[in-house]
Amino acid sequence: MAEPAGPTQRHYRAPCPGCGAPVEFRSAQSTTAVCGYCQSTVVRQGEVLSRIGKMAELFDDHSLLQLMASGTVDGQGFTLVGRLQYKYREGTWTEWQALLNDGSTGALSEDNGAYVFSRAVAPGRDIPAADQFRVGATTAINGQKYSVASNEQVALIAAQGELPRLPPLGQSFAMVELRGQGAAQVLSIDYGPTLAGESPALSLGRPVTLDELQMTGLKDGSAKDEKGRQFNCPNCGATVEVALAQSKSITCKSCNSLIDLSAGIGGELRHAEQDEPVRPLIPLGTVGQLEGLAWQVVGFQHRMGQEPGDDEQFGWEEYLLYNARRGFSFLVDATDGWSLVKPVTGAPALASNGQSASYQGTTFKQQYAYKAETTYVAGEFYWQVQRGQKTDNRDFASGKQLLSMEQSRNEITWSAGAKIDSDTVAKAFRLEDQKDLLKRSDAAPFTAARSIGIIPIIVILIVILIVLSLLSRCSRCDPRVENCSSTTARSSGGSWGGSSSGGGHK
């Protein structure tokens, strides 16, 4: 029988053909639902429900979101009525189907540790086949210029609730993501199974926060089952605790093994052993105050880079910071200073010669182009980080403002931020007693007096001897385990996020 769900819409309820439990359709656009009791996949045809198979069980990603949570977007209320879990080459992600008060639908999905709210849009023109979108290329749809950010093969692995369309379980299809140039937008092109003659499904999203959406009905984080947040390390058997809902990778504190959490923690866990551990200057778990917010250090990476034609390698380090209201940022420690950066939703416009990029009205000049490799990781990460991951990186700068592009075979991630001085870092994380260890080339330069006497000359000679000693040390520095300088000064932007950090749905 049909029952009212609100003043402007009605929902349909009927017994599940598999177990008899009630199955509800709140949206007139929903054609498929998954029974919450027996996991039967149910298709609605008129007022008749048919069972077409059984859905795989969801893996518990410990998200704060859940079915029937509600919020407000663009002045209109919505309710989460469905959930889709997908996998791709680097891991998994979840999309939540939202039913708005006017009867239309949208999707709330993860984006670089934050959230994007998307709604269906008309293409305005014929959409090319997925293989025509080359990562890094530009295109235009509905008058907006976009950069091709990713082109992946994805597959549905589980679903829950009611859904407007449901691709076959486990069947791979293409998903292309475009990032708006000059606009904080993500345009997703879904090449999932369609009817003959139909175009791929397009959805346009913008960045949001749970606070901005005024979400209610979220899971109570304090009421989580603590046993569900722990597991035994597959390498050494020690207990590993997962602190963040978004974590896709974590390291064991006992043996330093890197463990893949992308398929949940209930099944067999893939892991990789790590030798030669690197000790971060800022310990994992430390909470610091930056830009008026409390940030906790939840992850740490050591990475190496090499410029074309240069035999020497250089190293830098990245601290993954987490704030419950703002998501994730990166504190980067490079040889010429510290910087605080964050992945961006839109895409900067790259000049035709590749030597500059424009973002939010500012032109950034390219400083470096190099190959990067992740050599050591510790803590938790919202993407599936792997030791040995390699990317092509380019760093841009405009004064203290920084911009970075990181590209893998199937994805491009842009990040933006600014330099900060070492004293700010020391104060933020209460490491004033280690200020000298945190100092980089942002220290005040030495200025000689106009009239030089014997004492200043002696001082200068002492400084030269100290510098020569440091250079001798650096020639023996192993960049795999230390932050070593190269023959050229490095950008404090470095590179951050890893090749699988981004994507509007990842």
Foldseek 3Di string as FASTA:
>chain_A
DWACPDDQFIKAWFADPVPGHIAIGGAPLFQWAADPPQQFIWGDDPNDIDTDGHFDDAFQLVDQDDFQKKFDDPRWIKTFFKKWWKAWDFFIWMKTWIQTPNRAIWIWFDWLQFIKIKHWDDFQDADDDLVVQAQQDWDDTPRFIWGWFFKTWMATRGMHGTDSDDADHPDIDIKTWIFTAQDLKIKIFAPGDDPPPDGTIIMMIHTDWCVRRVIPPTDDSVPDDQVQQWDADPPPGDIDGHDDSLFQWAADPPQRKIWGQRRHDPDDIDIHGAPQDAADPQHAQFWFADPNAIWGFFKKWKKKKDAPPAPDIFIWMWTWIQDNGPTIWIWIAAQQAIWIKGWGSHDWAADPVRQWTDYPRDIWGWDGKIKMFTQHMHGTDSTNDDHGAIWIKIWTDDVQKIKMWTADRGGIIIMITGGDALVNVCNGRVNVVCSVVSHHNVPDDDDDDPDDDPVVVVVVVVVVVVVVVVVVVLVVDDSSHDRGDDPDGDDNCPDDQGNGSGDNRD
